[in-house]
Amino acid sequence: MNLNKKPKYETAPAGSHIARCYQVVDLGMQEHVSKQTGDRWMQRDVRITWELPLEQMKDGRPFSVSGKYKQSFYGSSKLLALLEGWRGKKFDKDSLDNFDASKLVGQPCRITVVHNGDYANVVSASPLGKGETCPPQINEGVCFSLEEAEFSPSTLAKLPEKMQEEIKASPTYKELMQESGAEPEQAADRSKHFPRPASIP
């Protein structure tokens, strides 16, 4: 018996892939630690997940890959760079102010995946090439927000257990539960639209 043995996961292949976004998830405030200095800081994160319909695991399901990004469109924002690459052009002020991240769910693109140890990381996104098409969506589309007016317990329950634990450990989630005065399963189900970046700190 090897209790220290790491579970084996199938890692999405590296390279450029046709993909479709099926999850946009507000993770709330999360702690980060610098590997170089050990410094710690908090930032509000969003996780975006894509399926790779042309790349299948051994059980026939499509591979999924995701990226975690700071909810910010300012400075050297990785989220902004990703989205501008995805849409194939820069945002103007009006487009940024009116951007609705929930509309990413179901949208196709081409993503570049690189391996970092056992992990598959999304480093860029771009529009589909001329003549390229993406097969119909396979996984259920989910958009989850921790904004009080948009929080949905039923949507939270659809997320993978590990992701639910990450969200529930965030100060953002705990503050939301305190303000509502209710347990998660008792909280009202509200709009499932993800908050617009204009409202993200």
N, C-alpha and C. Protein backbone atom coordinates (compact mmCIF):
# COMPACT_ATOMS: atom_id res chain seq x y z
N MET A 1 0.85 -1.20 0.00
CA MET A 1 0.00 0.00 0.00
C MET A 1 0.88 1.24 0.00
N ASN A 2 0.67 2.10 -0.98
CA ASN A 2 1.46 3.34 -1.08
C ASN A 2 0.53 4.53 -0.86
N LEU A 3 0.50 5.03 0.37
CA LEU A 3 -0.41 6.12 0.71
C LEU A 3 0.04 7.45 0.14
N ASN A 4 1.28 7.51 -0.30
CA ASN A 4 1.81 8.77 -0.82
C ASN A 4 1.76 8.82 -2.34
N LYS A 5 1.15 7.83 -2.93
CA LYS A 5 1.10 7.76 -4.39
C LYS A 5 0.12 8.78 -4.94
N LYS A 6 0.58 9.56 -5.91
CA LYS A 6 -0.28 10.57 -6.52
C LYS A 6 -1.31 9.92 -7.44
N PRO A 7 -2.58 10.37 -7.39
CA PRO A 7 -3.56 9.83 -8.32
C PRO A 7 -3.20 10.19 -9.75
N LYS A 8 -3.51 9.29 -10.67
CA LYS A 8 -3.18 9.54 -12.07
C LYS A 8 -4.34 10.21 -12.78
N TYR A 9 -4.07 11.34 -13.39
CA TYR A 9 -5.06 12.05 -14.17
C TYR A 9 -4.59 12.12 -15.62
N GLU A 10 -5.53 12.06 -16.51
CA GLU A 10 -5.19 12.23 -17.91
C GLU A 10 -5.01 13.73 -18.17
N THR A 11 -3.85 14.08 -18.67
CA THR A 11 -3.54 15.48 -18.93
C THR A 11 -3.84 15.82 -20.38
N ALA A 12 -4.54 16.93 -20.59
CA ALA A 12 -4.84 17.36 -21.95
C ALA A 12 -3.55 17.55 -22.74
N PRO A 13 -3.53 17.16 -24.00
CA PRO A 13 -2.30 17.29 -24.80
C PRO A 13 -1.90 18.74 -25.01
N ALA A 14 -0.61 18.97 -25.06
CA ALA A 14 -0.10 20.31 -25.35
C ALA A 14 -0.32 20.63 -26.82
N GLY A 15 -0.33 21.93 -27.11
CA GLY A 15 -0.48 22.35 -28.50
C GLY A 15 -1.66 23.28 -28.69
N SER A 16 -2.00 23.52 -29.94
CA SER A 16 -3.11 24.40 -30.30
C SER A 16 -4.35 23.55 -30.57
N HIS A 17 -5.46 23.93 -29.92
CA HIS A 17 -6.67 23.11 -30.00
C HIS A 17 -7.92 23.95 -30.24
N ILE A 18 -8.84 23.40 -31.02
CA ILE A 18 -10.19 23.96 -31.10
C ILE A 18 -10.88 23.67 -29.78
N ALA A 19 -11.51 24.68 -29.21
CA ALA A 19 -12.08 24.56 -27.87
C ALA A 19 -13.39 25.34 -27.77
N ARG A 20 -14.14 25.01 -26.72
CA ARG A 20 -15.37 25.76 -26.43
C ARG A 20 -15.45 26.00 -24.93
N CYS A 21 -15.71 27.23 -24.54
CA CYS A 21 -15.85 27.57 -23.12
C CYS A 21 -17.17 27.02 -22.58
N TYR A 22 -17.11 26.36 -21.42
CA TYR A 22 -18.36 25.88 -20.82
C TYR A 22 -18.51 26.26 -19.34
N GLN A 23 -17.48 26.88 -18.78
CA GLN A 23 -17.60 27.34 -17.39
C GLN A 23 -16.90 28.67 -17.19
N VAL A 24 -17.59 29.59 -16.51
CA VAL A 24 -16.99 30.83 -16.02
C VAL A 24 -17.39 30.93 -14.55
N VAL A 25 -16.41 30.83 -13.66
CA VAL A 25 -16.71 30.69 -12.24
C VAL A 25 -15.98 31.75 -11.41
N ASP A 26 -16.73 32.51 -10.65
CA ASP A 26 -16.20 33.49 -9.71
C ASP A 26 -15.72 32.74 -8.47
N LEU A 27 -14.41 32.74 -8.22
CA LEU A 27 -13.83 32.02 -7.09
C LEU A 27 -13.77 32.86 -5.82
N GLY A 28 -14.09 34.14 -5.92
CA GLY A 28 -13.98 35.01 -4.77
C GLY A 28 -12.52 35.37 -4.48
N MET A 29 -12.29 35.96 -3.32
CA MET A 29 -10.93 36.33 -2.91
C MET A 29 -10.14 35.07 -2.55
N GLN A 30 -8.96 34.93 -3.16
CA GLN A 30 -8.12 33.76 -2.92
C GLN A 30 -6.71 34.20 -2.53
N GLU A 31 -6.08 33.42 -1.65
CA GLU A 31 -4.71 33.73 -1.23
C GLU A 31 -3.72 33.19 -2.25
N HIS A 32 -2.70 33.99 -2.55
CA HIS A 32 -1.62 33.59 -3.44
C HIS A 32 -0.29 33.75 -2.70
N VAL A 33 0.66 32.88 -3.05
CA VAL A 33 1.98 32.91 -2.41
C VAL A 33 3.04 32.92 -3.50
N SER A 34 3.96 33.87 -3.43
CA SER A 34 5.05 33.94 -4.40
C SER A 34 6.05 32.82 -4.14
N LYS A 35 6.38 32.04 -5.18
CA LYS A 35 7.36 30.97 -5.03
C LYS A 35 8.77 31.53 -4.83
N GLN A 36 8.99 32.75 -5.32
CA GLN A 36 10.33 33.34 -5.22
C GLN A 36 10.58 33.97 -3.85
N THR A 37 9.60 34.74 -3.36
CA THR A 37 9.81 35.50 -2.13
C THR A 37 9.02 35.01 -0.92
N GLY A 38 7.99 34.21 -1.19
CA GLY A 38 7.13 33.77 -0.09
C GLY A 38 6.09 34.80 0.30
N ASP A 39 6.07 35.94 -0.40
CA ASP A 39 5.07 36.97 -0.10
C ASP A 39 3.67 36.43 -0.37
N ARG A 40 2.72 36.89 0.44
CA ARG A 40 1.34 36.46 0.31
C ARG A 40 0.45 37.66 -0.01
N TRP A 41 -0.57 37.42 -0.82
CA TRP A 41 -1.54 38.48 -1.12
C TRP A 41 -2.88 37.85 -1.48
N MET A 42 -3.91 38.67 -1.40
CA MET A 42 -5.26 38.23 -1.74
C MET A 42 -5.71 38.91 -3.02
N GLN A 43 -6.39 38.17 -3.87
CA GLN A 43 -6.98 38.77 -5.06
C GLN A 43 -8.23 37.98 -5.43
N ARG A 44 -9.15 38.66 -6.10
CA ARG A 44 -10.38 37.99 -6.53
C ARG A 44 -10.14 37.33 -7.88
N ASP A 45 -10.42 36.02 -7.94
CA ASP A 45 -10.09 35.23 -9.12
C ASP A 45 -11.33 34.73 -9.86
N VAL A 46 -11.13 34.43 -11.12
CA VAL A 46 -12.16 33.79 -11.94
C VAL A 46 -11.50 32.60 -12.63
N ARG A 47 -12.22 31.50 -12.70
CA ARG A 47 -11.72 30.32 -13.43
C ARG A 47 -12.55 30.13 -14.69
N ILE A 48 -11.88 30.05 -15.83
CA ILE A 48 -12.52 29.82 -17.12
C ILE A 48 -12.11 28.43 -17.59
N THR A 49 -13.10 27.63 -18.00
CA THR A 49 -12.83 26.25 -18.40
C THR A 49 -13.35 25.99 -19.81
N TRP A 50 -12.52 25.30 -20.58
CA TRP A 50 -12.87 24.94 -21.96
C TRP A 50 -12.89 23.43 -22.11
N GLU A 51 -13.71 22.94 -23.04
CA GLU A 51 -13.64 21.55 -23.44
C GLU A 51 -12.94 21.48 -24.80
N LEU A 52 -12.24 20.38 -25.03
CA LEU A 52 -11.54 20.16 -26.30
C LEU A 52 -12.26 19.03 -27.03
N PRO A 53 -13.27 19.35 -27.83
CA PRO A 53 -14.13 18.31 -28.41
C PRO A 53 -13.43 17.36 -29.37
N LEU A 54 -12.28 17.76 -29.90
CA LEU A 54 -11.57 16.91 -30.84
C LEU A 54 -10.48 16.08 -30.16
N GLU A 55 -10.32 16.25 -28.85
CA GLU A 55 -9.33 15.50 -28.08
C GLU A 55 -10.06 14.76 -26.97
N GLN A 56 -10.08 13.44 -27.03
CA GLN A 56 -10.87 12.66 -26.08
C GLN A 56 -10.00 11.86 -25.12
N MET A 57 -10.52 11.70 -23.90
CA MET A 57 -9.88 10.85 -22.91
C MET A 57 -10.21 9.39 -23.21
N LYS A 58 -9.65 8.49 -22.42
CA LYS A 58 -9.84 7.07 -22.66
C LYS A 58 -11.30 6.65 -22.56
N ASP A 59 -12.09 7.39 -21.75
CA ASP A 59 -13.50 7.02 -21.60
C ASP A 59 -14.40 7.69 -22.64
N GLY A 60 -13.79 8.42 -23.59
CA GLY A 60 -14.56 9.02 -24.66
C GLY A 60 -15.00 10.45 -24.41
N ARG A 61 -14.84 10.94 -23.18
CA ARG A 61 -15.21 12.32 -22.88
C ARG A 61 -14.12 13.26 -23.40
N PRO A 62 -14.50 14.50 -23.73
CA PRO A 62 -13.48 15.45 -24.18
C PRO A 62 -12.60 15.90 -23.02
N PHE A 63 -11.35 16.18 -23.31
CA PHE A 63 -10.48 16.78 -22.30
C PHE A 63 -11.03 18.16 -21.93
N SER A 64 -10.79 18.56 -20.68
CA SER A 64 -11.11 19.91 -20.23
C SER A 64 -9.83 20.56 -19.73
N VAL A 65 -9.69 21.84 -19.99
CA VAL A 65 -8.57 22.62 -19.47
C VAL A 65 -9.10 23.94 -18.94
N SER A 66 -8.43 24.50 -17.97
CA SER A 66 -8.92 25.75 -17.39
C SER A 66 -7.77 26.67 -17.03
N GLY A 67 -8.11 27.92 -16.83
CA GLY A 67 -7.14 28.91 -16.39
C GLY A 67 -7.76 29.75 -15.29
N LYS A 68 -6.93 30.15 -14.32
CA LYS A 68 -7.39 30.99 -13.21
C LYS A 68 -6.77 32.36 -13.38
N TYR A 69 -7.61 33.40 -13.35
CA TYR A 69 -7.15 34.75 -13.66
C TYR A 69 -7.66 35.74 -12.61
N LYS A 70 -6.87 36.77 -12.38
CA LYS A 70 -7.30 37.85 -11.52
C LYS A 70 -8.42 38.61 -12.21
N GLN A 71 -9.47 38.93 -11.46
CA GLN A 71 -10.60 39.67 -12.02
C GLN A 71 -10.23 41.14 -12.14
N SER A 72 -9.52 41.43 -13.19
CA SER A 72 -9.09 42.81 -13.42
C SER A 72 -8.82 43.02 -14.89
N PHE A 73 -9.14 44.22 -15.37
CA PHE A 73 -8.83 44.61 -16.74
C PHE A 73 -7.78 45.71 -16.76
N TYR A 74 -7.07 45.89 -15.63
CA TYR A 74 -6.14 47.01 -15.52
C TYR A 74 -4.69 46.56 -15.64
N GLY A 75 -3.83 47.49 -16.10
CA GLY A 75 -2.41 47.22 -16.18
C GLY A 75 -2.10 46.05 -17.10
N SER A 76 -1.19 45.20 -16.65
CA SER A 76 -0.79 44.03 -17.45
C SER A 76 -1.69 42.84 -17.14
N SER A 77 -2.99 43.06 -17.29
CA SER A 77 -3.99 42.04 -16.95
C SER A 77 -3.89 40.83 -17.88
N LYS A 78 -3.66 39.66 -17.30
CA LYS A 78 -3.64 38.42 -18.10
C LYS A 78 -5.03 38.10 -18.63
N LEU A 79 -6.06 38.46 -17.85
CA LEU A 79 -7.43 38.22 -18.30
C LEU A 79 -7.75 39.06 -19.53
N LEU A 80 -7.35 40.32 -19.50
CA LEU A 80 -7.60 41.21 -20.63
C LEU A 80 -6.86 40.70 -21.87
N ALA A 81 -5.60 40.30 -21.70
CA ALA A 81 -4.82 39.80 -22.83
C ALA A 81 -5.46 38.55 -23.41
N LEU A 82 -5.95 37.67 -22.55
CA LEU A 82 -6.62 36.45 -23.02
C LEU A 82 -7.85 36.79 -23.84
N LEU A 83 -8.70 37.67 -23.31
CA LEU A 83 -9.96 37.99 -23.97
C LEU A 83 -9.75 38.76 -25.28
N GLU A 84 -8.77 39.64 -25.30
CA GLU A 84 -8.49 40.37 -26.55
C GLU A 84 -7.94 39.42 -27.62
N GLY A 85 -7.13 38.46 -27.19
CA GLY A 85 -6.66 37.46 -28.14
C GLY A 85 -7.81 36.61 -28.65
N TRP A 86 -8.73 36.27 -27.76
CA TRP A 86 -9.89 35.45 -28.09
C TRP A 86 -10.77 36.14 -29.13
N ARG A 87 -11.04 37.42 -28.90
CA ARG A 87 -11.92 38.14 -29.82
C ARG A 87 -11.18 38.66 -31.05
N GLY A 88 -9.85 38.61 -31.02
CA GLY A 88 -9.06 39.01 -32.17
C GLY A 88 -8.91 40.50 -32.36
N LYS A 89 -9.24 41.28 -31.36
CA LYS A 89 -9.07 42.72 -31.41
C LYS A 89 -9.14 43.29 -30.01
N LYS A 90 -8.63 44.49 -29.84
CA LYS A 90 -8.63 45.13 -28.54
C LYS A 90 -10.02 45.66 -28.19
N PHE A 91 -10.25 45.81 -26.91
CA PHE A 91 -11.49 46.42 -26.42
C PHE A 91 -11.37 47.93 -26.47
N ASP A 92 -12.43 48.60 -26.84
CA ASP A 92 -12.49 50.03 -26.60
C ASP A 92 -13.21 50.23 -25.26
N LYS A 93 -13.24 51.46 -24.78
CA LYS A 93 -13.80 51.72 -23.45
C LYS A 93 -15.25 51.27 -23.34
N ASP A 94 -16.03 51.54 -24.39
CA ASP A 94 -17.44 51.17 -24.34
C ASP A 94 -17.61 49.65 -24.27
N SER A 95 -16.78 48.92 -25.02
CA SER A 95 -16.85 47.45 -25.01
C SER A 95 -16.48 46.90 -23.64
N LEU A 96 -15.47 47.48 -23.00
CA LEU A 96 -15.08 47.03 -21.67
C LEU A 96 -16.18 47.30 -20.64
N ASP A 97 -16.73 48.52 -20.71
CA ASP A 97 -17.75 48.91 -19.73
C ASP A 97 -19.00 48.04 -19.84
N ASN A 98 -19.27 47.51 -21.03
CA ASN A 98 -20.49 46.74 -21.25
C ASN A 98 -20.23 45.26 -21.46
N PHE A 99 -19.01 44.82 -21.17
CA PHE A 99 -18.68 43.42 -21.38
C PHE A 99 -19.41 42.54 -20.37
N ASP A 100 -20.05 41.48 -20.85
CA ASP A 100 -20.78 40.54 -20.02
C ASP A 100 -20.08 39.19 -20.10
N ALA A 101 -19.35 38.83 -19.04
CA ALA A 101 -18.53 37.62 -19.06
C ALA A 101 -19.37 36.35 -19.16
N SER A 102 -20.65 36.41 -18.81
CA SER A 102 -21.49 35.22 -18.92
C SER A 102 -21.64 34.78 -20.37
N LYS A 103 -21.44 35.71 -21.29
CA LYS A 103 -21.59 35.39 -22.71
C LYS A 103 -20.40 34.59 -23.26
N LEU A 104 -19.36 34.43 -22.44
CA LEU A 104 -18.24 33.58 -22.85
C LEU A 104 -18.66 32.11 -22.91
N VAL A 105 -19.62 31.75 -22.04
CA VAL A 105 -20.06 30.36 -21.98
C VAL A 105 -20.71 29.96 -23.31
N GLY A 106 -20.18 28.89 -23.89
CA GLY A 106 -20.69 28.41 -25.17
C GLY A 106 -19.92 28.93 -26.37
N GLN A 107 -19.00 29.88 -26.15
CA GLN A 107 -18.26 30.48 -27.26
C GLN A 107 -17.06 29.61 -27.66
N PRO A 108 -16.88 29.36 -28.97
CA PRO A 108 -15.72 28.60 -29.43
C PRO A 108 -14.50 29.48 -29.62
N CYS A 109 -13.35 28.87 -29.67
CA CYS A 109 -12.10 29.58 -29.94
C CYS A 109 -11.02 28.55 -30.20
N ARG A 110 -9.82 29.01 -30.38
CA ARG A 110 -8.65 28.13 -30.45
C ARG A 110 -7.74 28.52 -29.29
N ILE A 111 -7.33 27.56 -28.49
CA ILE A 111 -6.47 27.84 -27.35
C ILE A 111 -5.14 27.11 -27.48
N THR A 112 -4.12 27.68 -26.85
CA THR A 112 -2.80 27.06 -26.81
C THR A 112 -2.56 26.52 -25.41
N VAL A 113 -2.25 25.24 -25.34
CA VAL A 113 -2.04 24.55 -24.07
C VAL A 113 -0.57 24.17 -23.95
N VAL A 114 0.04 24.49 -22.81
CA VAL A 114 1.41 24.07 -22.53
C VAL A 114 1.43 23.28 -21.23
N HIS A 115 2.38 22.39 -21.09
CA HIS A 115 2.50 21.58 -19.89
C HIS A 115 3.50 22.19 -18.92
N ASN A 116 3.12 22.17 -17.65
CA ASN A 116 4.00 22.60 -16.56
C ASN A 116 3.96 21.49 -15.51
N GLY A 117 4.89 20.55 -15.62
CA GLY A 117 4.83 19.37 -14.77
C GLY A 117 3.63 18.52 -15.17
N ASP A 118 2.78 18.23 -14.18
CA ASP A 118 1.59 17.41 -14.43
C ASP A 118 0.39 18.24 -14.87
N TYR A 119 0.57 19.53 -14.99
CA TYR A 119 -0.56 20.42 -15.27
C TYR A 119 -0.56 20.90 -16.72
N ALA A 120 -1.77 21.07 -17.25
CA ALA A 120 -1.95 21.64 -18.58
C ALA A 120 -2.47 23.07 -18.41
N ASN A 121 -1.72 24.04 -18.89
CA ASN A 121 -2.07 25.45 -18.72
C ASN A 121 -2.46 26.09 -20.04
N VAL A 122 -3.49 26.92 -19.99
CA VAL A 122 -3.92 27.68 -21.16
C VAL A 122 -3.12 28.98 -21.18
N VAL A 123 -2.34 29.21 -22.23
CA VAL A 123 -1.50 30.40 -22.28
C VAL A 123 -2.04 31.47 -23.22
N SER A 124 -2.94 31.10 -24.13
CA SER A 124 -3.49 32.10 -25.04
C SER A 124 -4.75 31.56 -25.70
N ALA A 125 -5.53 32.49 -26.24
CA ALA A 125 -6.75 32.13 -26.98
C ALA A 125 -6.83 33.01 -28.21
N SER A 126 -7.45 32.50 -29.26
CA SER A 126 -7.61 33.25 -30.50
C SER A 126 -8.90 32.81 -31.17
N PRO A 127 -9.40 33.60 -32.13
CA PRO A 127 -10.60 33.18 -32.86
C PRO A 127 -10.30 31.92 -33.69
N LEU A 128 -11.33 31.19 -34.04
CA LEU A 128 -11.15 30.06 -34.94
C LEU A 128 -10.62 30.56 -36.28
N GLY A 129 -9.81 29.74 -36.93
CA GLY A 129 -9.27 30.11 -38.22
C GLY A 129 -10.31 30.04 -39.32
N LYS A 130 -9.98 30.58 -40.47
CA LYS A 130 -10.89 30.58 -41.61
C LYS A 130 -11.27 29.14 -41.98
N GLY A 131 -12.57 28.88 -42.03
CA GLY A 131 -13.04 27.55 -42.39
C GLY A 131 -13.11 26.58 -41.23
N GLU A 132 -12.61 26.97 -40.05
CA GLU A 132 -12.66 26.08 -38.89
C GLU A 132 -14.03 26.13 -38.22
N THR A 133 -14.46 25.01 -37.70
CA THR A 133 -15.70 24.95 -36.94
C THR A 133 -15.45 24.14 -35.67
N CYS A 134 -16.25 24.40 -34.66
CA CYS A 134 -16.14 23.68 -33.40
C CYS A 134 -17.38 22.80 -33.24
N PRO A 135 -17.21 21.53 -32.91
CA PRO A 135 -18.37 20.66 -32.70
C PRO A 135 -19.30 21.20 -31.61
N PRO A 136 -20.56 20.75 -31.59
CA PRO A 136 -21.51 21.21 -30.58
C PRO A 136 -21.00 20.97 -29.15
N GLN A 137 -21.46 21.81 -28.24
CA GLN A 137 -21.03 21.71 -26.85
C GLN A 137 -21.46 20.39 -26.24
N ILE A 138 -20.57 19.80 -25.42
CA ILE A 138 -20.82 18.51 -24.79
C ILE A 138 -21.14 18.68 -23.31
N ASN A 139 -20.30 19.42 -22.59
CA ASN A 139 -20.54 19.65 -21.16
C ASN A 139 -21.58 20.73 -20.94
N GLU A 140 -22.29 20.64 -19.82
CA GLU A 140 -23.29 21.65 -19.48
C GLU A 140 -22.62 23.00 -19.25
N GLY A 141 -23.21 24.06 -19.77
CA GLY A 141 -22.69 25.40 -19.55
C GLY A 141 -23.04 25.90 -18.17
N VAL A 142 -22.05 26.47 -17.49
CA VAL A 142 -22.26 26.97 -16.12
C VAL A 142 -21.59 28.33 -15.97
N CYS A 143 -22.31 29.27 -15.40
CA CYS A 143 -21.74 30.56 -15.05
C CYS A 143 -22.14 30.86 -13.61
N PHE A 144 -21.14 31.07 -12.74
CA PHE A 144 -21.40 31.22 -11.30
C PHE A 144 -20.82 32.52 -10.79
N SER A 145 -21.59 33.23 -9.98
CA SER A 145 -21.16 34.50 -9.43
C SER A 145 -21.34 34.54 -7.92
N LEU A 146 -20.43 35.24 -7.24
CA LEU A 146 -20.55 35.48 -5.80
C LEU A 146 -21.07 36.88 -5.49
N GLU A 147 -21.57 37.57 -6.53
CA GLU A 147 -22.25 38.83 -6.28
C GLU A 147 -23.59 38.53 -5.62
N GLU A 148 -23.97 39.32 -4.60
CA GLU A 148 -25.18 39.03 -3.83
C GLU A 148 -26.42 38.94 -4.71
N ALA A 149 -26.53 39.84 -5.69
CA ALA A 149 -27.72 39.87 -6.52
C ALA A 149 -27.75 38.75 -7.55
N GLU A 150 -26.65 37.99 -7.67
CA GLU A 150 -26.55 36.98 -8.72
C GLU A 150 -26.21 35.59 -8.20
N PHE A 151 -26.04 35.46 -6.89
CA PHE A 151 -25.62 34.19 -6.30
C PHE A 151 -26.69 33.12 -6.48
N SER A 152 -26.27 31.91 -6.87
CA SER A 152 -27.18 30.80 -7.11
C SER A 152 -26.64 29.53 -6.45
N PRO A 153 -27.24 29.07 -5.33
CA PRO A 153 -26.80 27.83 -4.68
C PRO A 153 -26.90 26.62 -5.61
N SER A 154 -27.92 26.57 -6.45
CA SER A 154 -28.07 25.42 -7.34
C SER A 154 -26.96 25.38 -8.38
N THR A 155 -26.49 26.55 -8.81
CA THR A 155 -25.37 26.58 -9.75
C THR A 155 -24.08 26.16 -9.04
N LEU A 156 -23.89 26.61 -7.81
CA LEU A 156 -22.71 26.21 -7.03
C LEU A 156 -22.66 24.69 -6.89
N ALA A 157 -23.81 24.07 -6.69
CA ALA A 157 -23.87 22.62 -6.50
C ALA A 157 -23.48 21.85 -7.76
N LYS A 158 -23.52 22.49 -8.91
CA LYS A 158 -23.16 21.84 -10.16
C LYS A 158 -21.64 21.77 -10.38
N LEU A 159 -20.90 22.56 -9.61
CA LEU A 159 -19.45 22.64 -9.80
C LEU A 159 -18.76 21.43 -9.18
N PRO A 160 -17.56 21.09 -9.67
CA PRO A 160 -16.80 19.99 -9.05
C PRO A 160 -16.59 20.24 -7.57
N GLU A 161 -16.56 19.18 -6.80
CA GLU A 161 -16.47 19.29 -5.34
C GLU A 161 -15.27 20.10 -4.89
N LYS A 162 -14.13 19.86 -5.51
CA LYS A 162 -12.91 20.59 -5.12
C LYS A 162 -13.07 22.08 -5.36
N MET A 163 -13.73 22.46 -6.46
CA MET A 163 -13.95 23.87 -6.75
C MET A 163 -14.93 24.47 -5.75
N GLN A 164 -15.95 23.71 -5.37
CA GLN A 164 -16.89 24.19 -4.36
C GLN A 164 -16.16 24.48 -3.05
N GLU A 165 -15.26 23.60 -2.67
CA GLU A 165 -14.50 23.79 -1.43
C GLU A 165 -13.64 25.05 -1.50
N GLU A 166 -13.03 25.28 -2.67
CA GLU A 166 -12.20 26.47 -2.85
C GLU A 166 -13.05 27.74 -2.70
N ILE A 167 -14.24 27.73 -3.29
CA ILE A 167 -15.13 28.89 -3.21
C ILE A 167 -15.61 29.11 -1.78
N LYS A 168 -16.01 28.04 -1.11
CA LYS A 168 -16.57 28.16 0.24
C LYS A 168 -15.51 28.59 1.27
N ALA A 169 -14.24 28.38 0.94
CA ALA A 169 -13.15 28.80 1.83
C ALA A 169 -12.79 30.27 1.64
N SER A 170 -13.33 30.91 0.60
CA SER A 170 -12.97 32.30 0.31
C SER A 170 -13.70 33.27 1.24
N PRO A 171 -13.03 34.36 1.63
CA PRO A 171 -13.69 35.39 2.45
C PRO A 171 -14.94 35.95 1.76
N THR A 172 -14.92 36.01 0.44
CA THR A 172 -16.06 36.55 -0.31
C THR A 172 -17.31 35.72 -0.07
N TYR A 173 -17.16 34.41 -0.13
CA TYR A 173 -18.30 33.51 0.11
C TYR A 173 -18.79 33.62 1.56
N LYS A 174 -17.83 33.62 2.50
CA LYS A 174 -18.21 33.67 3.91
C LYS A 174 -18.95 34.97 4.24
N GLU A 175 -18.48 36.07 3.68
CA GLU A 175 -19.15 37.35 3.91
C GLU A 175 -20.55 37.36 3.30
N LEU A 176 -20.69 36.74 2.13
CA LEU A 176 -22.00 36.66 1.48
C LEU A 176 -22.98 35.88 2.33
N MET A 177 -22.53 34.77 2.94
CA MET A 177 -23.39 33.95 3.78
C MET A 177 -23.78 34.71 5.06
N GLN A 178 -22.83 35.46 5.61
CA GLN A 178 -23.12 36.24 6.82
C GLN A 178 -24.14 37.33 6.53
N GLU A 179 -23.98 38.00 5.39
CA GLU A 179 -24.89 39.09 5.03
C GLU A 179 -26.30 38.57 4.73
N SER A 180 -26.38 37.37 4.14
CA SER A 180 -27.69 36.83 3.79
C SER A 180 -28.38 36.23 5.01
N GLY A 181 -27.57 35.86 6.03
CA GLY A 181 -28.14 35.28 7.23
C GLY A 181 -28.75 33.92 7.01
N ALA A 182 -28.28 33.22 5.94
CA ALA A 182 -28.85 31.92 5.60
C ALA A 182 -27.75 30.95 5.23
N GLU A 183 -28.07 29.67 5.39
CA GLU A 183 -27.17 28.64 4.93
C GLU A 183 -27.21 28.62 3.40
N PRO A 184 -26.15 28.13 2.73
CA PRO A 184 -26.10 28.13 1.27
C PRO A 184 -27.33 27.53 0.62
N GLU A 185 -27.83 26.38 1.15
CA GLU A 185 -28.97 25.73 0.53
C GLU A 185 -30.27 26.50 0.74
N GLN A 186 -30.25 27.45 1.71
CA GLN A 186 -31.44 28.24 1.99
C GLN A 186 -31.41 29.59 1.28
N ALA A 187 -30.26 29.96 0.73
CA ALA A 187 -30.13 31.25 0.06
C ALA A 187 -30.98 31.29 -1.20
N ALA A 188 -31.47 32.45 -1.52
CA ALA A 188 -32.33 32.59 -2.69
C ALA A 188 -31.54 32.36 -3.97
N ASP A 189 -32.20 31.70 -4.94
CA ASP A 189 -31.59 31.50 -6.25
C ASP A 189 -31.84 32.73 -7.09
N ARG A 190 -30.75 33.37 -7.53
CA ARG A 190 -30.89 34.62 -8.27
C ARG A 190 -30.33 34.47 -9.67
N SER A 191 -30.19 35.56 -10.36
CA SER A 191 -29.69 35.54 -11.73
C SER A 191 -28.36 34.82 -11.84
N LYS A 192 -28.18 34.07 -12.90
CA LYS A 192 -26.95 33.31 -13.11
C LYS A 192 -25.97 34.05 -14.00
N HIS A 193 -26.21 35.34 -14.25
CA HIS A 193 -25.26 36.12 -15.05
C HIS A 193 -24.05 36.47 -14.22
N PHE A 194 -22.88 36.32 -14.82
CA PHE A 194 -21.63 36.65 -14.15
C PHE A 194 -21.49 38.16 -14.09
N PRO A 195 -20.94 38.71 -13.01
CA PRO A 195 -20.81 40.17 -12.91
C PRO A 195 -19.95 40.75 -14.01
N ARG A 196 -20.34 41.89 -14.51
CA ARG A 196 -19.57 42.54 -15.57
C ARG A 196 -18.25 43.03 -15.01
N PRO A 197 -17.17 42.98 -15.82
CA PRO A 197 -15.86 43.40 -15.33
C PRO A 197 -15.84 44.81 -14.79
N ALA A 198 -16.77 45.66 -15.24
CA ALA A 198 -16.79 47.03 -14.74
C ALA A 198 -17.01 47.06 -13.24
N SER A 199 -17.64 45.99 -12.68
CA SER A 199 -17.90 45.96 -11.25
C SER A 199 -16.85 45.21 -10.46
N ILE A 200 -15.86 44.65 -11.18
CA ILE A 200 -14.82 43.89 -10.50
C ILE A 200 -13.75 44.83 -9.98
N PRO A 201 -13.35 44.67 -8.73
CA PRO A 201 -12.34 45.58 -8.16
C PRO A 201 -11.03 45.53 -8.92
